[in-house]
Amino acid sequence: MSNENSKTELDLLNEINSKLDKLIGVLVIQSIEDQDDKIYALKGLGFKETEIGLFVVTKGRIRDREGWKRK
């Protein structure tokens, strides 16, 4: 690997932290009953619409739900 492509320790730690945040988020939404609250939480953690669809069963598109539209 060249120096341009190698990640610093800080880059690796930030990547691990982001992945841990997402993992914890997936565990937390299991206790949330409202689908829109689940969507909002997952979106806030950086999940994409297609990824959220794997965790939230809903009719229609995720982007059309109130949880996605919340600011």
Protein backbone atom coordinates (compact mmCIF):
# COMPACT_ATOMS: atom_id res chain seq x y z
CA MET A 1 0.00 0.00 0.00
CA SER A 2 1.30 3.42 -0.85
CA ASN A 3 1.33 6.28 1.62
CA GLU A 4 -1.55 7.95 -0.25
CA ASN A 5 -3.88 4.99 0.32
CA SER A 6 -2.87 3.99 3.84
CA LYS A 7 -5.11 5.12 6.66
CA THR A 8 -3.82 6.75 9.79
CA GLU A 9 -4.58 5.34 13.21
CA LEU A 10 -7.04 8.18 13.72
CA ASP A 11 -8.83 7.33 10.45
CA LEU A 12 -9.12 3.70 11.53
CA LEU A 13 -10.40 4.65 14.99
CA ASN A 14 -13.00 6.98 13.48
CA GLU A 15 -14.14 4.23 11.12
CA ILE A 16 -14.44 1.74 14.00
CA ASN A 17 -16.33 4.32 16.07
CA SER A 18 -18.81 4.92 13.26
CA LYS A 19 -19.42 1.20 12.84
CA LEU A 20 -19.91 0.74 16.60
CA ASP A 21 -22.42 3.61 16.64
CA LYS A 22 -24.40 1.90 13.89
CA LEU A 23 -24.26 -1.46 15.66
CA ILE A 24 -25.50 0.05 18.92
CA GLY A 25 -28.23 1.88 17.00
CA VAL A 26 -29.49 -1.39 15.52
CA LEU A 27 -29.67 -2.86 19.02
CA VAL A 28 -31.47 0.19 20.42
CA ILE A 29 -34.19 0.30 17.75
CA GLN A 30 -35.30 -3.17 18.75
CA SER A 31 -36.93 -1.63 21.82
CA ILE A 32 -38.66 1.14 19.81
CA GLU A 33 -42.18 0.28 18.71
CA ASP A 34 -43.00 3.22 16.42
CA GLN A 35 -41.68 2.62 12.89
CA ASP A 36 -41.14 6.34 12.23
CA ASP A 37 -39.06 6.66 15.39
CA LYS A 38 -36.94 3.73 14.21
CA ILE A 39 -36.47 5.31 10.79
CA TYR A 40 -35.51 8.65 12.35
CA ALA A 41 -32.97 7.02 14.67
CA LEU A 42 -31.34 4.98 11.93
CA LYS A 43 -31.22 7.91 9.54
CA GLY A 44 -29.53 9.97 12.25
CA LEU A 45 -26.83 7.32 12.50
CA GLY A 46 -26.10 7.59 8.80
CA PHE A 47 -27.99 4.59 7.47
CA LYS A 48 -29.16 4.85 3.87
CA GLU A 49 -32.78 4.32 2.85
CA THR A 50 -32.05 0.84 1.50
CA GLU A 51 -30.28 -0.16 4.70
CA ILE A 52 -33.12 1.10 6.89
CA GLY A 53 -35.53 -1.02 4.85
CA LEU A 54 -33.71 -4.09 6.15
CA PHE A 55 -34.58 -3.21 9.74
CA VAL A 56 -37.99 -1.55 9.44
CA VAL A 57 -40.97 -3.28 7.87
CA THR A 58 -43.16 -0.66 6.25
CA LYS A 59 -45.45 -0.23 3.27
CA GLY A 60 -44.16 2.09 0.59
CA ARG A 61 -40.88 3.94 0.44
CA ILE A 62 -38.87 4.84 3.52
CA ARG A 63 -38.41 8.40 2.17
CA ASP A 64 -42.17 8.93 2.22
CA ARG A 65 -42.42 8.19 5.95
CA GLU A 66 -42.63 10.91 8.60
CA GLY A 67 -39.55 9.51 10.34
CA TRP A 68 -37.40 10.14 7.26
CA LYS A 69 -38.72 13.69 6.81
CA ARG A 70 -38.02 14.79 10.41
CA LYS A 71 -35.23 17.29 10.91
